[in-house]
């Protein structure tokens, strides 16, 4: 059980303007990277395969295939180094953790889309 003091300290660091995304969604995460004196923003796009934790401790794992090799990165949601999280596509899944995607390659990695995009005209 959290104390009031701990909640008050955490409330200053929790981001209020987070977009809604779930496990199975394809997201683009823009991360601030410091290289020496330079600061740049790097983009990492992939499928969210896991979310865990609560409050300030919440993290999510994003997986993508890069040059035929699977790459996973774990991001704290409320990290000050995360500039933006942009949901690109919503995937339809029936699991809370998608670790089974690690063994899959090619077209079998794809997930069905939850919402269809309606085009007008």
C-alpha atoms as a PDB file:
ATOM      1  CA  UNK A   1       0.000   0.000   0.000  1.00  0.00           C
ATOM      2  CA  UNK A   2       1.392   3.382  -1.002  1.00  0.00           C
ATOM      3  CA  UNK A   3       1.732   6.219   1.416  1.00  0.00           C
ATOM      4  CA  UNK A   4       0.400   9.689   0.690  1.00  0.00           C
ATOM      5  CA  UNK A   5       3.924  11.106   0.596  1.00  0.00           C
ATOM      6  CA  UNK A   6       5.055   8.589  -2.030  1.00  0.00           C
ATOM      7  CA  UNK A   7       1.983   9.252  -4.172  1.00  0.00           C
ATOM      8  CA  UNK A   8       2.594  13.000  -3.966  1.00  0.00           C
ATOM      9  CA  UNK A   9       6.208  12.642  -5.121  1.00  0.00           C
ATOM     10  CA  UNK A  10       5.236  10.293  -7.973  1.00  0.00           C
ATOM     11  CA  UNK A  11       2.408  12.538  -9.161  1.00  0.00           C
ATOM     12  CA  UNK A  12       4.949  15.184 -10.252  1.00  0.00           C
ATOM     13  CA  UNK A  13       6.649  12.723 -12.631  1.00  0.00           C
ATOM     14  CA  UNK A  14       3.596  10.960 -14.080  1.00  0.00           C
ATOM     15  CA  UNK A  15       2.683  12.068 -17.603  1.00  0.00           C
ATOM     16  CA  UNK A  16      -0.940  13.120 -18.022  1.00  0.00           C
ATOM     17  CA  UNK A  17      -1.164  13.269 -21.835  1.00  0.00           C
ATOM     18  CA  UNK A  18      -0.417   9.653 -22.765  1.00  0.00           C
ATOM     19  CA  UNK A  19      -2.199   8.175 -25.797  1.00  0.00           C
ATOM     20  CA  UNK A  20      -4.274   5.009 -25.393  1.00  0.00           C
ATOM     21  CA  UNK A  21      -2.498   1.885 -26.652  1.00  0.00           C
ATOM     22  CA  UNK A  22      -2.748  -1.774 -25.743  1.00  0.00           C
ATOM     23  CA  UNK A  23      -0.827  -4.998 -26.232  1.00  0.00           C
ATOM     24  CA  UNK A  24      -0.913  -5.929 -29.928  1.00  0.00           C
ATOM     25  CA  UNK A  25      -0.900  -2.338 -31.174  1.00  0.00           C
ATOM     26  CA  UNK A  26       1.809  -1.053 -33.471  1.00  0.00           C
ATOM     27  CA  UNK A  27       3.323   2.089 -31.998  1.00  0.00           C
ATOM     28  CA  UNK A  28       6.092   4.521 -32.835  1.00  0.00           C
ATOM     29  CA  UNK A  29       8.125   5.533 -29.799  1.00  0.00           C
ATOM     30  CA  UNK A  30      10.260   8.652 -30.118  1.00  0.00           C
ATOM     31  CA  UNK A  31      13.141   8.562 -27.657  1.00  0.00           C
ATOM     32  CA  UNK A  32      15.544  11.363 -26.720  1.00  0.00           C
ATOM     33  CA  UNK A  33      19.144  10.121 -27.005  1.00  0.00           C
ATOM     34  CA  UNK A  34      22.172  12.019 -25.723  1.00  0.00           C
ATOM     35  CA  UNK A  35      25.442  11.424 -27.583  1.00  0.00           C
ATOM     36  CA  UNK A  36      28.188  13.503 -26.010  1.00  0.00           C
ATOM     37  CA  UNK A  37      26.915  17.073 -26.137  1.00  0.00           C
ATOM     38  CA  UNK A  38      24.346  16.397 -28.876  1.00  0.00           C
ATOM     39  CA  UNK A  39      20.744  15.447 -28.140  1.00  0.00           C
ATOM     40  CA  UNK A  40      18.681  13.841 -30.874  1.00  0.00           C
ATOM     41  CA  UNK A  41      15.346  12.039 -31.172  1.00  0.00           C
ATOM     42  CA  UNK A  42      15.345   8.435 -32.381  1.00  0.00           C
ATOM     43  CA  UNK A  43      12.226   6.643 -33.582  1.00  0.00           C
ATOM     44  CA  UNK A  44      11.503   2.980 -32.764  1.00  0.00           C
ATOM     45  CA  UNK A  45       8.407   1.449 -34.373  1.00  0.00           C
ATOM     46  CA  UNK A  46       7.096  -2.010 -33.582  1.00  0.00           C
ATOM     47  CA  UNK A  47       4.420  -4.141 -31.929  1.00  0.00           C
ATOM     48  CA  UNK A  48       3.703  -3.831 -28.221  1.00  0.00           C
ATOM     49  CA  UNK A  49       4.137  -7.372 -26.866  1.00  0.00           C
ATOM     50  CA  UNK A  50       3.858  -6.650 -23.122  1.00  0.00           C
ATOM     51  CA  UNK A  51       2.800  -4.056 -20.562  1.00  0.00           C
ATOM     52  CA  UNK A  52       3.366  -4.411 -16.845  1.00  0.00           C
ATOM     53  CA  UNK A  53       3.534  -2.382 -13.674  1.00  0.00           C
ATOM     54  CA  UNK A  54       1.391   0.385 -12.247  1.00  0.00           C
ATOM     55  CA  UNK A  55       1.787   4.118 -11.848  1.00  0.00           C
ATOM     56  CA  UNK A  56       5.315   5.462 -12.159  1.00  0.00           C
ATOM     57  CA  UNK A  57       6.718   1.922 -12.530  1.00  0.00           C
ATOM     58  CA  UNK A  58       4.721   0.990 -15.643  1.00  0.00           C
ATOM     59  CA  UNK A  59       6.777  -0.334 -18.574  1.00  0.00           C
ATOM     60  CA  UNK A  60       6.014  -1.679 -22.039  1.00  0.00           C
ATOM     61  CA  UNK A  61       7.995  -3.840 -24.462  1.00  0.00           C
ATOM     62  CA  UNK A  62       8.090  -3.115 -28.203  1.00  0.00           C
ATOM     63  CA  UNK A  63       9.308  -5.694 -30.737  1.00  0.00           C
ATOM     64  CA  UNK A  64      10.207  -5.288 -34.381  1.00  0.00           C
ATOM     65  CA  UNK A  65      12.154  -7.189 -37.025  1.00  0.00           C
ATOM     66  CA  UNK A  66      15.256  -5.308 -38.168  1.00  0.00           C
ATOM     67  CA  UNK A  67      17.476  -6.783 -40.905  1.00  0.00           C
ATOM     68  CA  UNK A  68      15.963 -10.234 -40.334  1.00  0.00           C
ATOM     69  CA  UNK A  69      16.722 -10.127 -36.599  1.00  0.00           C
ATOM     70  CA  UNK A  70      14.152  -9.582 -33.856  1.00  0.00           C
ATOM     71  CA  UNK A  71      14.814  -6.494 -31.722  1.00  0.00           C
ATOM     72  CA  UNK A  72      12.991  -5.748 -28.470  1.00  0.00           C
ATOM     73  CA  UNK A  73      13.177  -2.611 -26.374  1.00  0.00           C
ATOM     74  CA  UNK A  74      11.659  -1.993 -22.972  1.00  0.00           C
ATOM     75  CA  UNK A  75      10.459   1.544 -22.248  1.00  0.00           C
ATOM     76  CA  UNK A  76       9.240   3.083 -18.988  1.00  0.00           C
ATOM     77  CA  UNK A  77       6.011   4.868 -19.957  1.00  0.00           C
ATOM     78  CA  UNK A  78       6.628   7.897 -17.740  1.00  0.00           C
ATOM     79  CA  UNK A  79      10.326   8.314 -18.634  1.00  0.00           C
ATOM     80  CA  UNK A  80      11.389  11.903 -19.356  1.00  0.00           C
ATOM     81  CA  UNK A  81      13.456  10.538 -22.286  1.00  0.00           C
ATOM     82  CA  UNK A  82      10.322   9.435 -24.149  1.00  0.00           C
ATOM     83  CA  UNK A  83       9.295  12.387 -26.294  1.00  0.00           C
ATOM     84  CA  UNK A  84       6.185  10.838 -27.850  1.00  0.00           C
ATOM     85  CA  UNK A  85       4.258   7.589 -28.270  1.00  0.00           C
ATOM     86  CA  UNK A  86       2.263   7.464 -31.510  1.00  0.00           C
ATOM     87  CA  UNK A  87      -0.195   4.575 -32.036  1.00  0.00           C
ATOM     88  CA  UNK A  88      -0.076   3.522 -35.711  1.00  0.00           C
ATOM     89  CA  UNK A  89      -2.271   0.422 -35.914  1.00  0.00           C
ATOM     90  CA  UNK A  90      -4.513  -1.453 -33.531  1.00  0.00           C
ATOM     91  CA  UNK A  91      -4.061  -5.235 -33.399  1.00  0.00           C
ATOM     92  CA  UNK A  92      -6.681  -7.752 -32.341  1.00  0.00           C
ATOM     93  CA  UNK A  93      -5.238 -10.162 -29.751  1.00  0.00           C
ATOM     94  CA  UNK A  94      -6.543 -12.526 -27.084  1.00  0.00           C
ATOM     95  CA  UNK A  95      -3.499 -12.555 -24.820  1.00  0.00           C
ATOM     96  CA  UNK A  96      -2.025 -10.138 -22.292  1.00  0.00           C
ATOM     97  CA  UNK A  97       1.542 -11.009 -23.284  1.00  0.00           C
ATOM     98  CA  UNK A  98       2.542 -11.792 -26.879  1.00  0.00           C
ATOM     99  CA  UNK A  99       5.791 -13.632 -26.198  1.00  0.00           C
ATOM    100  CA  UNK A 100       4.787 -16.303 -28.746  1.00  0.00           C
ATOM    101  CA  UNK A 101       5.663 -13.798 -31.508  1.00  0.00           C
ATOM    102  CA  UNK A 102       9.352 -14.340 -30.686  1.00  0.00           C
ATOM    103  CA  UNK A 103       9.297 -17.743 -32.380  1.00  0.00           C
ATOM    104  CA  UNK A 104       7.457 -16.508 -35.474  1.00  0.00           C
ATOM    105  CA  UNK A 105       8.925 -15.061 -38.650  1.00  0.00           C
ATOM    106  CA  UNK A 106       7.577 -13.636 -41.892  1.00  0.00           C
ATOM    107  CA  UNK A 107       3.852 -13.236 -42.431  1.00  0.00           C
ATOM    108  CA  UNK A 108       2.923 -15.237 -39.321  1.00  0.00           C
ATOM    109  CA  UNK A 109       4.107 -12.317 -37.162  1.00  0.00           C
ATOM    110  CA  UNK A 110       1.291 -10.114 -38.441  1.00  0.00           C
ATOM    111  CA  UNK A 111      -1.746  -9.563 -36.241  1.00  0.00           C
ATOM    112  CA  UNK A 112      -5.308  -8.953 -37.390  1.00  0.00           C
ATOM    113  CA  UNK A 113      -6.421  -5.356 -37.269  1.00  0.00           C
ATOM    114  CA  UNK A 114      -8.949  -4.443 -34.584  1.00  0.00           C
ATOM    115  CA  UNK A 115     -10.512  -1.419 -36.284  1.00  0.00           C
ATOM    116  CA  UNK A 116     -10.862  -1.088 -40.034  1.00  0.00           C
ATOM    117  CA  UNK A 117      -9.926   2.221 -41.595  1.00  0.00           C
ATOM    118  CA  UNK A 118     -12.890   3.666 -43.474  1.00  0.00           C
ATOM    119  CA  UNK A 119     -11.903   5.705 -46.508  1.00  0.00           C
ATOM    120  CA  UNK A 120     -14.338   8.199 -47.952  1.00  0.00           C
ATOM    121  CA  UNK A 121     -14.621   9.034 -51.609  1.00  0.00           C
END
